[in-house]
Amino acid sequence: MTILLSAGILFGCSADNTVIPYGQTVSLTDAEVADKIRGGWFAQTIGCTYGGPTEFKYKGGLIHDSIPVVWYDDYIYDTFIADPGLYDDVYMDLTFVEVMSEHGLDAPVSEYAETFANADYKLWHANQAARYNILNGIPAPGSGHWKHNPHADDIDFQIEADFIGMMTPGMANVSSGICDKIGHIMNYGDGWYGGVFISAMYSLAYVCDDIPAVVREALNTIPEGTKFRSCIDDVLKFHAMYPDDWKQCWFEVEKLHGNDIGCPEGVHNGFNIDAVINAAYVVIGLLYGEGDFGRTMEIATRCGQDSDCNPASAAGILGVMYGYDAIPEYWKKGAEKIADMPFPYTSLSLDGVCDMNMDLLKALVSENGGSVQDGQITFTVQKPEEVRYEQSFEGLAPVEKRILKKTFTDELELVFEGNSVVVSGSVVKTGHDDSPYVARLSAYVDGELVEKFSMPYDYITRKYEIFYRYCMPSGRHVLKLVLENPHPDYAMSATEMTVYDEI
């Protein structure tokens, strides 16, 4: 790849202070761009497969070097057939790509939100909470806001924003604008920042192969003073202090940033699906992998937690940076066998999305002052601009995690001290009736009715938590949950209660 500046001088990306030619014109051939797009999509799929077996099996701990990571020529094909649900961070991307392709670059956020909310695939955490919100009268962006979504800081949009960066070569601010629209469907604050940051790295990878520079410059999209910015700044600092010891870097970052306060499942627990710490693992993989495809995936995986999504993001960025042809054949053999096979819950295959990505990339380049002609794609490289400041759960800290294990068919009363509460649980089947039961509940706080809501037994449309409410007056509160339509073959199961208060 060459970078063509408007002055007509050719430059490559170097490690000095002018690593990225901001404000300058870059021209890439159609073939170069196609190679990068293919590299990004295939590498993301390879990375997801590579880390799949260890996903959330190592929580708050490293995967020891003595534990092998399985790989063989047909591993991607075998996994694709046996465990299609593993690829949620790919088929979610494909959903949004299809919406943009069908409804245009200016497709309203409601189109993206309704399409993913009504899809047949299973979702978890911020995505599932957003799906429930959208299906029950809380549209985007409210569906992702932390007061409506206890998982607002989770990794969901971070693992779904790859496609945005792959469509916006060198145009990190165009990427951030798309992220603003789509990312707030399911996330807010640090959860949104994860997608902004990852997509900015993809955008810059089109025009720069200096990995530390790509990380540093993409981070300029994230406001100072946020938890996300602080964490990635620390990764960069500890990488400079321990350039040959990724485990020491991991340990130092874990000490400072390994504690989740948002996702109720992760509070006072080793489980951490927060975007912040998992983005740190992506960056650790990129920095210490030093451009080596296998080493980058291995480190991002061995950091633990969401160990399929993190190597997927890291590998995808390298795929765009170096192109498909540069990915070692060792990793590509299995991927080629699924290249024309549609992903679960979508009509798109890897080959298909690469073609669609190219069409949308050309449209976005043209719409943003670039040109597409004579086999050349020309665009102006944008200096990343800081997006707006927003933080979830600001001023709150968990003060109690109570195991409940209570099943009720009429009502449940809970007393707590604090200003915010989340009750985890679900509808459970106790008999043999297979009719589609939807529980209807009323919630009272200190004797006042505060909410009426439904909870489907159906897993696809389920409510992720029974009840949550933030920022009440601090003090003693009595929560009463009343099941309004009891059924002889179903019950409500309340598993845990997480209580927060002002810091």
Protein backbone atom coordinates (compact mmCIF):
# COMPACT_ATOMS: atom_id res chain seq x y z
CA MET A 1 0.00 0.00 0.00
CA THR A 2 1.13 3.54 -0.68
CA ILE A 3 -0.29 6.70 0.76
CA LEU A 4 -0.72 9.49 -1.76
CA LEU A 5 -0.64 12.91 -0.14
CA SER A 6 -2.33 15.86 -1.81
CA ALA A 7 1.11 17.35 -2.43
CA GLY A 8 1.87 14.34 -4.56
CA ILE A 9 4.51 12.85 -2.25
CA LEU A 10 4.45 9.15 -1.36
CA PHE A 11 4.77 8.21 2.29
CA GLY A 12 4.48 5.03 4.28
CA CYS A 13 3.40 4.86 7.91
CA SER A 14 6.41 5.24 10.19
CA ALA A 15 7.00 5.43 13.93
CA ASP A 16 7.72 9.16 14.09
CA ASN A 17 5.36 12.00 14.98
CA THR A 18 3.73 12.04 11.53
CA VAL A 19 2.59 8.44 11.46
CA ILE A 20 -0.87 9.23 10.11
CA PRO A 21 -1.31 11.80 7.31
CA TYR A 22 -4.22 13.73 8.78
CA GLY A 23 -5.94 16.07 6.39
CA GLN A 24 -4.20 14.51 3.43
CA THR A 25 -5.58 12.56 0.51
CA VAL A 26 -5.09 8.80 0.34
CA SER A 27 -5.71 6.67 -2.74
CA LEU A 28 -6.02 2.90 -2.64
CA THR A 29 -6.86 0.62 -5.51
CA ASP A 30 -10.08 -1.37 -5.48
CA ALA A 31 -7.96 -4.50 -5.13
CA GLU A 32 -6.10 -3.14 -2.08
CA VAL A 33 -9.33 -2.16 -0.36
CA ALA A 34 -10.97 -5.50 -1.18
CA ASP A 35 -7.97 -7.32 0.30
CA LYS A 36 -8.27 -5.29 3.51
CA ILE A 37 -12.02 -5.82 3.80
CA ARG A 38 -11.60 -9.55 3.27
CA GLY A 39 -8.76 -9.55 5.79
CA GLY A 40 -10.94 -7.87 8.40
CA TRP A 41 -13.98 -10.13 8.08
CA PHE A 42 -12.05 -13.38 7.80
CA ALA A 43 -9.65 -12.47 10.63
CA GLN A 44 -12.53 -11.55 12.92
CA THR A 45 -14.10 -14.95 12.28
CA ILE A 46 -10.78 -16.74 12.81
CA GLY A 47 -10.19 -14.91 16.10
CA CYS A 48 -13.69 -15.65 17.37
CA THR A 49 -13.21 -19.35 16.62
CA TYR A 50 -9.72 -19.43 18.14
CA GLY A 51 -10.87 -18.11 21.52
CA GLY A 52 -14.29 -19.76 21.59
CA PRO A 53 -13.47 -22.76 23.82
CA THR A 54 -12.22 -20.54 26.67
CA GLU A 55 -14.95 -17.88 26.59
CA PHE A 56 -15.60 -16.80 30.21
CA LYS A 57 -13.95 -19.91 31.60
CA TYR A 58 -11.08 -17.80 32.93
CA LYS A 59 -12.49 -14.91 34.94
CA GLY A 60 -10.05 -12.56 36.60
CA GLY A 61 -7.15 -14.88 35.82
CA LEU A 62 -4.75 -15.60 32.98
CA ILE A 63 -4.94 -18.71 30.85
CA HIS A 64 -1.69 -20.45 31.71
CA ASP A 65 0.84 -21.10 28.95
CA SER A 66 0.66 -24.83 29.66
CA ILE A 67 -2.99 -24.93 28.55
CA PRO A 68 -3.07 -25.47 24.77
CA VAL A 69 -5.37 -23.63 22.40
CA VAL A 70 -6.94 -26.07 19.97
CA TRP A 71 -6.44 -25.50 16.24
CA TYR A 72 -6.42 -27.71 13.14
CA ASP A 73 -7.20 -27.20 9.47
CA ASP A 74 -10.95 -27.90 9.68
CA TYR A 75 -11.46 -26.29 13.09
CA ILE A 76 -13.42 -23.28 11.81
CA TYR A 77 -15.64 -25.46 9.61
CA ASP A 78 -16.32 -27.91 12.45
CA THR A 79 -17.09 -25.09 14.90
CA PHE A 80 -19.29 -23.27 12.39
CA ILE A 81 -21.43 -26.40 11.99
CA ALA A 82 -21.49 -27.52 15.63
CA ASP A 83 -21.68 -24.19 17.50
CA PRO A 84 -23.18 -21.46 15.30
CA GLY A 85 -24.20 -19.41 18.36
CA LEU A 86 -20.52 -18.70 19.01
CA TYR A 87 -20.56 -16.19 16.17
CA ASP A 88 -22.95 -13.68 17.74
CA ASP A 89 -20.33 -10.94 17.33
CA VAL A 90 -20.33 -11.67 13.59
CA TYR A 91 -24.01 -12.22 12.83
CA MET A 92 -24.96 -9.13 14.82
CA ASP A 93 -22.60 -7.12 12.58
CA LEU A 94 -24.22 -8.73 9.54
CA THR A 95 -27.68 -7.70 10.70
CA PHE A 96 -26.66 -4.05 10.71
CA VAL A 97 -24.79 -4.37 7.40
CA GLU A 98 -27.94 -5.77 5.79
CA VAL A 99 -30.06 -2.93 7.18
CA MET A 100 -27.64 -0.31 5.83
CA SER A 101 -27.50 -2.04 2.47
CA GLU A 102 -31.28 -2.35 2.15
CA HIS A 103 -32.35 0.99 3.61
CA GLY A 104 -29.39 3.19 2.73
CA LEU A 105 -26.68 5.09 4.55
CA ASP A 106 -29.32 7.29 6.20
CA ALA A 107 -31.41 4.40 7.51
CA PRO A 108 -33.11 5.58 10.72
CA VAL A 109 -31.97 4.15 14.03
CA SER A 110 -35.44 2.63 14.46
CA GLU A 111 -34.80 0.38 11.44
CA TYR A 112 -31.62 -1.04 12.99
CA ALA A 113 -33.27 -1.39 16.41
CA GLU A 114 -36.44 -3.09 15.21
CA THR A 115 -34.56 -5.46 12.93
CA PHE A 116 -32.22 -6.78 15.61
CA ALA A 117 -34.95 -6.81 18.29
CA ASN A 118 -37.19 -9.00 16.11
CA ALA A 119 -34.44 -11.35 14.90
CA ASP A 120 -34.61 -15.05 15.78
CA TYR A 121 -31.16 -15.34 17.35
CA LYS A 122 -30.37 -15.51 21.03
CA LEU A 123 -28.93 -12.46 22.72
CA TRP A 124 -27.37 -11.72 26.07
CA HIS A 125 -26.59 -8.82 28.41
CA ALA A 126 -26.91 -5.31 26.89
CA ASN A 127 -28.27 -6.67 23.61
CA GLN A 128 -31.00 -8.70 25.25
CA ALA A 129 -31.93 -5.93 27.67
CA ALA A 130 -32.19 -3.56 24.70
CA ARG A 131 -34.26 -6.08 22.74
CA TYR A 132 -36.72 -6.33 25.62
CA ASN A 133 -36.88 -2.55 25.93
CA ILE A 134 -37.55 -2.05 22.23
CA LEU A 135 -40.25 -4.75 22.18
CA ASN A 136 -41.87 -3.22 25.27
CA GLY A 137 -42.06 0.46 24.43
CA ILE A 138 -38.60 1.90 25.18
CA PRO A 139 -37.08 2.73 21.78
CA ALA A 140 -33.47 3.66 21.05
CA PRO A 141 -31.54 5.46 22.41
CA GLY A 142 -33.42 4.92 25.68
CA SER A 143 -33.10 1.16 25.15
CA GLY A 144 -29.36 1.39 25.82
CA HIS A 145 -29.36 4.00 28.57
CA TRP A 146 -28.11 2.76 31.91
CA LYS A 147 -31.29 3.72 33.78
CA HIS A 148 -33.18 1.36 31.45
CA ASN A 149 -30.38 -1.15 30.87
CA PRO A 150 -28.24 -2.50 33.72
CA HIS A 151 -25.81 -3.83 31.10
CA ALA A 152 -25.14 -0.46 29.46
CA ASP A 153 -21.37 -0.75 30.05
CA ASP A 154 -21.13 -4.33 28.79
CA ILE A 155 -19.12 -5.39 25.76
CA ASP A 156 -22.02 -5.78 23.32
CA PHE A 157 -21.55 -2.82 20.98
CA GLN A 158 -17.78 -3.16 21.24
CA ILE A 159 -17.98 -6.57 19.53
CA GLU A 160 -20.50 -5.33 16.94
CA ALA A 161 -18.77 -2.13 15.77
CA ASP A 162 -16.11 -3.80 13.59
CA PHE A 163 -18.19 -3.35 10.45
CA ILE A 164 -18.38 0.41 10.96
CA GLY A 165 -14.61 0.82 10.94
CA MET A 166 -14.33 -1.49 7.96
CA MET A 167 -16.68 0.82 6.00
CA THR A 168 -14.92 4.07 6.90
CA PRO A 169 -11.29 3.93 5.69
CA GLY A 170 -9.26 6.70 7.35
CA MET A 171 -12.53 8.42 8.34
CA ALA A 172 -12.62 7.89 12.09
CA ASN A 173 -15.07 10.73 12.68
CA VAL A 174 -17.53 9.37 10.15
CA SER A 175 -17.16 6.09 12.01
CA SER A 176 -17.92 7.79 15.35
CA GLY A 177 -21.07 9.34 13.88
CA ILE A 178 -22.40 5.94 12.81
CA CYS A 179 -21.43 4.53 16.21
CA ASP A 180 -23.45 7.25 17.92
CA LYS A 181 -26.58 6.13 16.12
CA ILE A 182 -26.24 2.36 16.31
CA GLY A 183 -24.26 1.99 19.55
CA HIS A 184 -26.86 3.68 21.73
CA ILE A 185 -29.43 1.08 20.78
CA MET A 186 -27.87 -1.28 23.32
CA ASN A 187 -25.17 0.64 25.22
CA TYR A 188 -24.24 3.92 26.87
CA GLY A 189 -21.09 5.44 28.35
CA ASP A 190 -18.16 3.04 28.43
CA GLY A 191 -20.20 0.42 26.60
CA TRP A 192 -20.66 2.87 23.73
CA TYR A 193 -17.04 4.03 23.91
CA GLY A 194 -15.87 0.46 23.35
CA GLY A 195 -17.46 0.45 19.90
CA VAL A 196 -16.25 3.96 19.08
CA PHE A 197 -12.67 2.98 19.97
CA ILE A 198 -12.63 -0.37 18.17
CA SER A 199 -14.16 1.05 15.00
CA ALA A 200 -11.68 3.96 15.04
CA MET A 201 -8.80 1.47 15.15
CA TYR A 202 -10.24 -0.32 12.14
CA SER A 203 -10.58 2.99 10.27
CA LEU A 204 -6.98 3.99 11.00
CA ALA A 205 -5.69 0.51 10.14
CA TYR A 206 -6.48 1.31 6.50
CA VAL A 207 -3.80 4.02 6.46
CA CYS A 208 -1.29 3.04 9.14
CA ASP A 209 0.58 -0.13 10.13
CA ASP A 210 2.16 1.32 13.29
CA ILE A 211 0.11 -0.52 15.92
CA PRO A 212 0.90 1.71 18.95
CA ALA A 213 0.08 4.77 16.84
CA VAL A 214 -3.25 3.30 15.77
CA VAL A 215 -4.12 2.57 19.41
CA ARG A 216 -3.07 6.02 20.65
CA GLU A 217 -4.78 7.93 17.88
CA ALA A 218 -8.02 5.94 18.06
CA LEU A 219 -8.09 6.60 21.80
CA ASN A 220 -8.37 10.32 21.06
CA THR A 221 -12.03 9.69 20.24
CA ILE A 222 -12.66 8.94 23.94
CA PRO A 223 -13.02 11.85 26.41
CA GLU A 224 -10.51 12.43 29.18
CA GLY A 225 -11.85 11.62 32.63
CA THR A 226 -13.83 8.56 31.57
CA LYS A 227 -13.18 5.10 32.96
CA PHE A 228 -12.58 3.79 29.46
CA ARG A 229 -9.94 6.39 28.59
CA SER A 230 -8.20 5.91 31.93
CA CYS A 231 -7.94 2.15 31.46
CA ILE A 232 -6.52 2.21 27.93
CA ASP A 233 -4.13 5.01 28.92
CA ASP A 234 -2.90 2.67 31.65
CA VAL A 235 -2.41 -0.18 29.16
CA LEU A 236 -0.21 2.12 27.08
CA LYS A 237 1.69 3.25 30.18
CA PHE A 238 2.36 -0.27 31.44
CA HIS A 239 3.30 -1.45 27.94
CA ALA A 240 5.98 1.25 27.94
CA MET A 241 7.14 0.14 31.41
CA TYR A 242 7.10 -3.61 30.65
CA PRO A 243 7.56 -3.85 26.86
CA ASP A 244 8.59 -7.52 27.01
CA ASP A 245 6.14 -8.78 29.65
CA TRP A 246 2.48 -8.73 28.69
CA LYS A 247 1.53 -10.63 31.83
CA GLN A 248 2.91 -7.89 34.07
CA CYS A 249 0.98 -5.33 32.02
CA TRP A 250 -2.17 -7.46 32.41
CA PHE A 251 -1.62 -7.73 36.17
CA GLU A 252 -1.15 -3.98 36.66
CA VAL A 253 -4.23 -3.17 34.59
CA GLU A 254 -6.27 -5.81 36.41
CA LYS A 255 -5.41 -4.31 39.79
CA LEU A 256 -6.73 -0.92 38.72
CA HIS A 257 -9.60 -1.75 36.38
CA GLY A 258 -10.74 -5.33 36.96
CA ASN A 259 -13.78 -4.52 39.12
CA ASP A 260 -17.19 -4.35 37.43
CA ILE A 261 -19.95 -2.21 38.94
CA GLY A 262 -22.54 -2.32 36.15
CA CYS A 263 -23.57 -5.79 35.02
CA PRO A 264 -25.26 -7.35 38.08
CA GLU A 265 -23.73 -10.75 37.30
CA GLY A 266 -20.25 -9.24 37.49
CA VAL A 267 -20.66 -7.30 40.74
CA HIS A 268 -18.58 -8.86 43.53
CA ASN A 269 -17.70 -11.66 41.13
CA GLY A 270 -14.78 -12.69 38.94
CA PHE A 271 -17.01 -12.53 35.85
CA ASN A 272 -16.43 -9.29 33.93
CA ILE A 273 -18.15 -8.56 30.63
CA ASP A 274 -17.55 -4.82 30.95
CA ALA A 275 -16.30 -3.16 27.74
CA VAL A 276 -13.46 -1.41 29.57
CA ILE A 277 -11.44 -4.40 30.74
CA ASN A 278 -12.11 -6.43 27.62
CA ALA A 279 -11.01 -3.54 25.39
CA ALA A 280 -7.83 -3.49 27.47
CA TYR A 281 -7.25 -7.13 26.56
CA VAL A 282 -7.71 -6.32 22.86
CA VAL A 283 -5.06 -3.61 23.16
CA ILE A 284 -2.69 -5.86 25.13
CA GLY A 285 -2.98 -8.43 22.35
CA LEU A 286 -2.29 -5.83 19.67
CA LEU A 287 0.65 -4.16 21.42
CA TYR A 288 2.45 -7.29 22.56
CA GLY A 289 1.54 -9.30 19.46
CA GLU A 290 3.56 -6.77 17.44
CA GLY A 291 1.79 -7.59 14.20
CA ASP A 292 2.15 -11.36 14.47
CA PHE A 293 -1.30 -12.76 13.73
CA GLY A 294 -1.08 -15.90 15.87
CA ARG A 295 0.71 -14.23 18.78
CA THR A 296 -1.82 -11.39 18.85
CA MET A 297 -4.75 -13.81 19.08
CA GLU A 298 -2.99 -15.92 21.68
CA ILE A 299 -2.29 -13.02 24.03
CA ALA A 300 -5.77 -11.51 23.64
CA THR A 301 -7.24 -14.95 24.39
CA ARG A 302 -4.97 -15.74 27.35
CA CYS A 303 -6.03 -12.49 29.03
CA GLY A 304 -9.27 -14.33 29.83
CA GLN A 305 -12.88 -13.14 30.30
CA ASP A 306 -14.58 -12.67 26.89
CA SER A 307 -11.79 -14.59 25.22
CA ASP A 308 -13.50 -15.17 21.87
CA CYS A 309 -14.59 -11.59 21.20
CA ASN A 310 -11.28 -10.01 22.20
CA PRO A 311 -9.05 -11.96 19.79
CA ALA A 312 -11.75 -11.47 17.14
CA SER A 313 -11.43 -7.68 17.41
CA ALA A 314 -7.63 -7.73 17.60
CA ALA A 315 -7.30 -10.10 14.65
CA GLY A 316 -9.84 -8.14 12.61
CA ILE A 317 -7.85 -4.93 13.03
CA LEU A 318 -4.71 -6.71 11.85
CA GLY A 319 -6.67 -8.17 8.96
CA VAL A 320 -7.53 -4.69 7.72
CA MET A 321 -4.06 -3.37 8.44
CA TYR A 322 -2.16 -6.04 6.49
CA GLY A 323 -4.86 -7.50 4.22
CA TYR A 324 -6.17 -10.99 3.64
CA ASP A 325 -3.20 -12.10 1.57
CA ALA A 326 -0.87 -11.46 4.51
CA ILE A 327 -2.75 -13.74 6.91
CA PRO A 328 -0.72 -16.96 7.26
CA GLU A 329 -2.17 -19.90 5.37
CA TYR A 330 -2.23 -21.88 8.61
CA TRP A 331 -5.15 -19.77 9.82
CA LYS A 332 -6.97 -19.33 6.52
CA LYS A 333 -7.45 -22.97 5.51
CA GLY A 334 -10.55 -23.55 7.60
CA ALA A 335 -11.98 -20.11 6.92
CA GLU A 336 -11.96 -20.69 3.17
CA LYS A 337 -14.18 -23.74 3.68
CA ILE A 338 -16.99 -21.59 5.11
CA ALA A 339 -16.46 -18.57 2.85
CA ASP A 340 -19.69 -19.08 0.90
CA MET A 341 -21.79 -20.51 3.77
CA PRO A 342 -24.36 -18.10 5.24
CA PHE A 343 -23.90 -17.31 8.92
CA PRO A 344 -26.69 -18.42 11.23
CA TYR A 345 -29.80 -16.19 11.20
CA THR A 346 -28.66 -14.26 8.13
CA SER A 347 -28.39 -14.69 4.39
CA LEU A 348 -24.84 -13.33 4.32
CA SER A 349 -21.67 -15.38 4.03
CA LEU A 350 -18.13 -14.08 4.43
CA ASP A 351 -17.88 -13.70 0.66
CA GLY A 352 -21.22 -11.94 0.56
CA VAL A 353 -20.50 -9.46 3.33
CA CYS A 354 -17.13 -8.59 1.79
CA ASP A 355 -18.90 -7.58 -1.43
CA MET A 356 -21.59 -5.66 0.46
CA ASN A 357 -18.95 -3.97 2.63
CA MET A 358 -17.12 -2.77 -0.50
CA ASP A 359 -20.30 -1.25 -1.95
CA LEU A 360 -21.15 0.54 1.30
CA LEU A 361 -17.56 1.72 1.77
CA LYS A 362 -17.57 3.31 -1.67
CA ALA A 363 -20.90 4.99 -0.92
CA LEU A 364 -19.62 6.37 2.40
CA VAL A 365 -16.38 7.61 0.82
CA SER A 366 -18.33 9.38 -1.93
CA GLU A 367 -20.78 10.89 0.55
CA ASN A 368 -17.92 12.29 2.65
CA GLY A 369 -15.96 14.16 0.01
CA GLY A 370 -13.96 11.32 -1.50
CA SER A 371 -14.10 9.79 -4.94
CA VAL A 372 -14.48 6.36 -6.48
CA GLN A 373 -13.30 6.17 -10.09
CA ASP A 374 -10.94 4.36 -12.43
CA GLY A 375 -10.35 1.53 -9.96
CA GLN A 376 -9.19 3.96 -7.22
CA ILE A 377 -10.83 4.83 -3.91
CA THR A 378 -9.68 8.25 -2.68
CA PHE A 379 -10.51 9.78 0.69
CA THR A 380 -9.21 12.38 3.13
CA VAL A 381 -7.76 11.06 6.39
CA GLN A 382 -9.57 12.50 9.41
CA LYS A 383 -7.89 13.34 12.69
CA PRO A 384 -10.00 11.57 15.35
CA GLU A 385 -12.17 13.97 17.33
CA GLU A 386 -13.33 13.40 20.87
CA VAL A 387 -16.95 12.29 21.19
CA ARG A 388 -19.17 13.58 23.96
CA TYR A 389 -18.72 12.70 27.62
CA GLU A 390 -21.14 10.22 29.15
CA GLN A 391 -20.77 7.76 32.02
CA SER A 392 -23.10 5.07 33.32
CA PHE A 393 -23.72 4.53 37.04
CA GLU A 394 -21.78 7.71 37.83
CA GLY A 395 -21.61 8.33 41.57
CA LEU A 396 -22.87 4.83 42.44
CA ALA A 397 -21.08 1.90 44.01
CA PRO A 398 -22.34 -1.61 44.86
CA VAL A 399 -22.82 -2.01 48.62
CA GLU A 400 -24.49 -5.43 48.79
CA LYS A 401 -24.84 -8.57 46.70
CA ARG A 402 -27.48 -10.79 48.29
CA ILE A 403 -28.20 -14.37 47.24
CA LEU A 404 -31.96 -14.83 47.17
CA LYS A 405 -32.88 -18.19 45.59
CA LYS A 406 -36.54 -17.37 46.15
CA THR A 407 -39.37 -18.77 44.03
CA PHE A 408 -42.75 -17.10 44.27
CA THR A 409 -46.17 -17.46 42.67
CA ASP A 410 -47.87 -14.54 44.38
CA GLU A 411 -45.56 -11.85 45.77
CA LEU A 412 -42.07 -11.26 47.12
CA GLU A 413 -40.97 -8.56 49.55
CA LEU A 414 -37.35 -7.44 49.85
CA VAL A 415 -35.84 -4.86 52.20
CA PHE A 416 -32.57 -3.10 51.40
CA GLU A 417 -30.43 -0.09 52.34
CA GLY A 418 -29.21 2.06 49.47
CA ASN A 419 -30.48 4.16 46.57
CA SER A 420 -30.51 1.66 43.67
CA VAL A 421 -31.42 -1.99 43.31
CA VAL A 422 -31.37 -4.76 40.70
CA VAL A 423 -33.22 -8.04 41.25
CA SER A 424 -31.97 -10.81 38.99
CA GLY A 425 -34.17 -13.72 38.00
CA SER A 426 -36.55 -15.13 35.44
CA VAL A 427 -39.76 -17.02 34.78
CA VAL A 428 -39.27 -20.73 35.46
CA LYS A 429 -41.35 -23.71 34.40
CA THR A 430 -42.68 -25.87 37.22
CA GLY A 431 -45.16 -28.05 35.32
CA HIS A 432 -45.84 -29.47 31.88
CA ASP A 433 -47.89 -26.76 30.16
CA ASP A 434 -46.14 -25.60 26.97
CA SER A 435 -48.39 -22.62 26.28
CA PRO A 436 -46.48 -19.32 25.77
CA TYR A 437 -46.75 -17.87 29.27
CA VAL A 438 -45.99 -14.20 29.85
CA ALA A 439 -45.91 -13.17 33.49
CA ARG A 440 -47.36 -9.78 34.42
CA LEU A 441 -45.90 -8.10 37.47
CA SER A 442 -46.34 -4.94 39.50
CA ALA A 443 -43.50 -3.39 41.49
CA TYR A 444 -44.03 -1.28 44.60
CA VAL A 445 -41.30 0.69 46.38
CA ASP A 446 -42.16 1.84 49.88
CA GLY A 447 -45.81 1.16 49.18
CA GLU A 448 -45.97 3.16 45.94
CA LEU A 449 -46.61 1.51 42.59
CA VAL A 450 -43.59 2.37 40.42
CA GLU A 451 -43.88 -0.01 37.46
CA LYS A 452 -46.05 -2.59 35.73
CA PHE A 453 -44.23 -4.90 33.33
CA SER A 454 -44.31 -8.26 31.54
CA MET A 455 -41.81 -11.12 31.66
CA PRO A 456 -42.04 -13.72 28.87
CA TYR A 457 -40.91 -17.26 29.58
CA ASP A 458 -39.67 -17.38 25.98
CA TYR A 459 -35.87 -17.14 25.96
CA ILE A 460 -35.66 -14.95 22.84
CA THR A 461 -37.93 -12.21 24.23
CA ARG A 462 -37.11 -12.63 27.94
CA LYS A 463 -36.48 -9.78 30.39
CA TYR A 464 -32.90 -10.05 31.61
CA GLU A 465 -33.61 -8.94 35.18
CA ILE A 466 -36.88 -8.94 37.07
CA PHE A 467 -36.61 -5.38 38.34
CA TYR A 468 -34.16 -2.48 38.53
CA ARG A 469 -34.41 1.09 39.70
CA TYR A 470 -31.62 3.63 40.08
CA CYS A 471 -31.09 6.90 41.95
CA MET A 472 -33.83 6.76 44.57
CA PRO A 473 -33.25 8.63 47.85
CA SER A 474 -30.58 6.86 49.91
CA GLY A 475 -31.89 4.91 52.87
CA ARG A 476 -34.07 1.94 53.80
CA HIS A 477 -36.49 0.77 51.11
CA VAL A 478 -39.09 -1.97 50.84
CA LEU A 479 -39.55 -3.52 47.40
CA LYS A 480 -42.63 -5.66 46.76
CA LEU A 481 -43.02 -7.62 43.54
CA VAL A 482 -46.54 -8.89 42.83
CA LEU A 483 -47.28 -11.56 40.22
CA GLU A 484 -50.66 -10.50 38.80
CA ASN A 485 -51.40 -13.57 36.63
CA PRO A 486 -50.15 -16.70 38.42
CA HIS A 487 -50.05 -19.92 36.42
CA PRO A 488 -50.04 -23.45 37.91
CA ASP A 489 -47.12 -24.54 35.70
CA TYR A 490 -44.90 -21.45 36.03
CA ALA A 491 -43.32 -19.38 38.80
CA MET A 492 -40.99 -16.42 39.30
CA SER A 493 -37.44 -17.18 40.41
CA ALA A 494 -35.52 -14.34 42.10
CA THR A 495 -31.86 -15.37 42.25
CA GLU A 496 -29.86 -12.36 43.46
CA MET A 497 -30.25 -8.76 44.56
CA THR A 498 -27.59 -6.12 43.92
CA VAL A 499 -27.80 -2.92 45.93
CA TYR A 500 -26.00 0.36 45.16
CA ASP A 501 -25.60 3.62 47.00
CA GLU A 502 -23.98 6.99 46.48
CA ILE A 503 -20.20 7.06 46.71
